[in-house]
Amino acid sequence: MNKKFDCVDMKHRAARIIQKKLSKLSREEELEYWRVQTRELREQQRKLLKKVKTKV
């Protein structure tokens, strides 16, 4: 069986990309990176939840 999509592999690749980005940052820069990422994720979640609620 030939998989077209491997979620574990995708997760590992994403983690390596993030690790590479963070390795170049100071502690404060890393904390700011996570603040921004969290803010963006919450905004995406809010938009999706709003979209789902309007469909019901």
N, C-alpha and C. Protein backbone atom coordinates (compact mmCIF):
# COMPACT_ATOMS: atom_id res chain seq x y z
N MET A 1 0.84 -1.18 0.00
CA MET A 1 0.00 0.00 0.00
C MET A 1 0.89 1.24 0.00
N ASN A 2 0.57 2.17 -0.86
CA ASN A 2 1.35 3.39 -1.00
C ASN A 2 0.57 4.57 -0.44
N LYS A 3 1.09 5.16 0.65
CA LYS A 3 0.41 6.31 1.27
C LYS A 3 0.66 7.57 0.45
N LYS A 4 -0.39 8.36 0.29
CA LYS A 4 -0.23 9.65 -0.36
C LYS A 4 0.06 10.73 0.66
N PHE A 5 -0.34 10.50 1.90
CA PHE A 5 -0.17 11.50 2.94
C PHE A 5 0.20 10.81 4.24
N ASP A 6 1.23 11.29 4.89
CA ASP A 6 1.70 10.72 6.15
C ASP A 6 1.73 11.84 7.18
N CYS A 7 0.75 11.85 8.09
CA CYS A 7 0.63 12.95 9.04
C CYS A 7 1.80 12.99 10.02
N VAL A 8 2.35 11.85 10.38
CA VAL A 8 3.49 11.83 11.31
C VAL A 8 4.71 12.45 10.64
N ASP A 9 4.93 12.11 9.39
CA ASP A 9 6.05 12.70 8.64
C ASP A 9 5.86 14.20 8.51
N MET A 10 4.64 14.64 8.23
CA MET A 10 4.35 16.06 8.11
C MET A 10 4.65 16.78 9.43
N LYS A 11 4.26 16.18 10.53
CA LYS A 11 4.51 16.76 11.86
C LYS A 11 6.01 16.88 12.12
N HIS A 12 6.75 15.85 11.79
CA HIS A 12 8.21 15.87 12.00
C HIS A 12 8.89 16.91 11.13
N ARG A 13 8.46 17.03 9.89
CA ARG A 13 9.05 18.04 9.00
C ARG A 13 8.77 19.45 9.52
N ALA A 14 7.55 19.69 9.96
CA ALA A 14 7.18 21.00 10.49
C ALA A 14 7.98 21.32 11.75
N ALA A 15 8.17 20.33 12.61
CA ALA A 15 8.94 20.53 13.84
C ALA A 15 10.39 20.89 13.52
N ARG A 16 10.96 20.25 12.49
CA ARG A 16 12.34 20.57 12.10
C ARG A 16 12.44 22.00 11.58
N ILE A 17 11.45 22.43 10.81
CA ILE A 17 11.44 23.79 10.28
C ILE A 17 11.37 24.81 11.42
N ILE A 18 10.49 24.57 12.37
CA ILE A 18 10.34 25.47 13.51
C ILE A 18 11.61 25.47 14.35
N GLN A 19 12.17 24.30 14.59
CA GLN A 19 13.40 24.20 15.38
C GLN A 19 14.53 25.00 14.73
N LYS A 20 14.63 24.93 13.41
CA LYS A 20 15.67 25.66 12.69
C LYS A 20 15.46 27.17 12.84
N LYS A 21 14.21 27.63 12.73
CA LYS A 21 13.91 29.05 12.91
C LYS A 21 14.27 29.50 14.32
N LEU A 22 13.87 28.73 15.31
CA LEU A 22 14.07 29.12 16.70
C LEU A 22 15.53 29.08 17.13
N SER A 23 16.32 28.24 16.50
CA SER A 23 17.73 28.11 16.90
C SER A 23 18.50 29.40 16.68
N LYS A 24 18.00 30.27 15.83
CA LYS A 24 18.68 31.53 15.52
C LYS A 24 18.19 32.69 16.38
N LEU A 25 17.20 32.44 17.23
CA LEU A 25 16.59 33.52 18.01
C LEU A 25 17.06 33.53 19.46
N SER A 26 17.03 34.72 20.03
CA SER A 26 17.30 34.84 21.47
C SER A 26 16.08 34.33 22.22
N ARG A 27 16.20 34.22 23.52
CA ARG A 27 15.07 33.75 24.34
C ARG A 27 13.86 34.68 24.19
N GLU A 28 14.10 35.99 24.23
CA GLU A 28 13.00 36.94 24.09
C GLU A 28 12.37 36.86 22.69
N GLU A 29 13.19 36.71 21.68
CA GLU A 29 12.67 36.59 20.32
C GLU A 29 11.85 35.30 20.17
N GLU A 30 12.31 34.24 20.80
CA GLU A 30 11.57 32.98 20.75
C GLU A 30 10.21 33.11 21.44
N LEU A 31 10.20 33.77 22.59
CA LEU A 31 8.93 33.98 23.29
C LEU A 31 7.99 34.82 22.44
N GLU A 32 8.51 35.84 21.77
CA GLU A 32 7.67 36.67 20.90
C GLU A 32 7.15 35.85 19.71
N TYR A 33 8.00 34.98 19.17
CA TYR A 33 7.57 34.10 18.07
C TYR A 33 6.34 33.30 18.50
N TRP A 34 6.41 32.70 19.70
CA TRP A 34 5.29 31.88 20.17
C TRP A 34 4.07 32.73 20.50
N ARG A 35 4.27 33.94 20.98
CA ARG A 35 3.12 34.83 21.23
C ARG A 35 2.38 35.13 19.93
N VAL A 36 3.14 35.45 18.90
CA VAL A 36 2.54 35.77 17.60
C VAL A 36 1.85 34.54 17.02
N GLN A 37 2.52 33.40 17.07
CA GLN A 37 1.92 32.18 16.52
C GLN A 37 0.64 31.82 17.25
N THR A 38 0.63 31.97 18.57
CA THR A 38 -0.56 31.67 19.37
C THR A 38 -1.69 32.62 19.01
N ARG A 39 -1.37 33.91 18.87
CA ARG A 39 -2.37 34.91 18.50
C ARG A 39 -2.99 34.57 17.13
N GLU A 40 -2.15 34.22 16.17
CA GLU A 40 -2.64 33.88 14.84
C GLU A 40 -3.49 32.62 14.86
N LEU A 41 -3.08 31.63 15.62
CA LEU A 41 -3.85 30.39 15.73
C LEU A 41 -5.22 30.66 16.33
N ARG A 42 -5.25 31.45 17.39
CA ARG A 42 -6.53 31.77 18.03
C ARG A 42 -7.45 32.53 17.09
N GLU A 43 -6.89 33.40 16.28
CA GLU A 43 -7.69 34.15 15.31
C GLU A 43 -8.26 33.19 14.25
N GLN A 44 -7.45 32.27 13.77
CA GLN A 44 -7.94 31.27 12.81
C GLN A 44 -9.04 30.43 13.42
N GLN A 45 -8.86 30.01 14.67
CA GLN A 45 -9.88 29.21 15.35
C GLN A 45 -11.17 29.99 15.51
N ARG A 46 -11.06 31.27 15.86
CA ARG A 46 -12.23 32.12 16.03
C ARG A 46 -13.00 32.24 14.72
N LYS A 47 -12.28 32.45 13.62
CA LYS A 47 -12.92 32.56 12.30
C LYS A 47 -13.61 31.26 11.91
N LEU A 48 -12.94 30.14 12.14
CA LEU A 48 -13.54 28.85 11.80
C LEU A 48 -14.78 28.57 12.63
N LEU A 49 -14.72 28.88 13.92
CA LEU A 49 -15.86 28.67 14.80
C LEU A 49 -17.03 29.54 14.36
N LYS A 50 -16.75 30.77 14.00
CA LYS A 50 -17.80 31.67 13.51
C LYS A 50 -18.42 31.13 12.23
N LYS A 51 -17.59 30.61 11.34
CA LYS A 51 -18.05 30.05 10.07
C LYS A 51 -18.95 28.83 10.32
N VAL A 52 -18.54 27.96 11.24
CA VAL A 52 -19.31 26.76 11.56
C VAL A 52 -20.65 27.15 12.18
N LYS A 53 -20.64 28.13 13.07
CA LYS A 53 -21.87 28.55 13.73
C LYS A 53 -22.87 29.15 12.74
N THR A 54 -22.39 29.82 11.72
CA THR A 54 -23.31 30.43 10.75
C THR A 54 -23.92 29.39 9.82
N LYS A 55 -23.28 28.24 9.70
CA LYS A 55 -23.82 27.17 8.85
C LYS A 55 -24.92 26.38 9.55
N VAL A 56 -24.96 26.41 10.86
CA VAL A 56 -25.92 25.62 11.62
C VAL A 56 -27.25 26.29 11.69
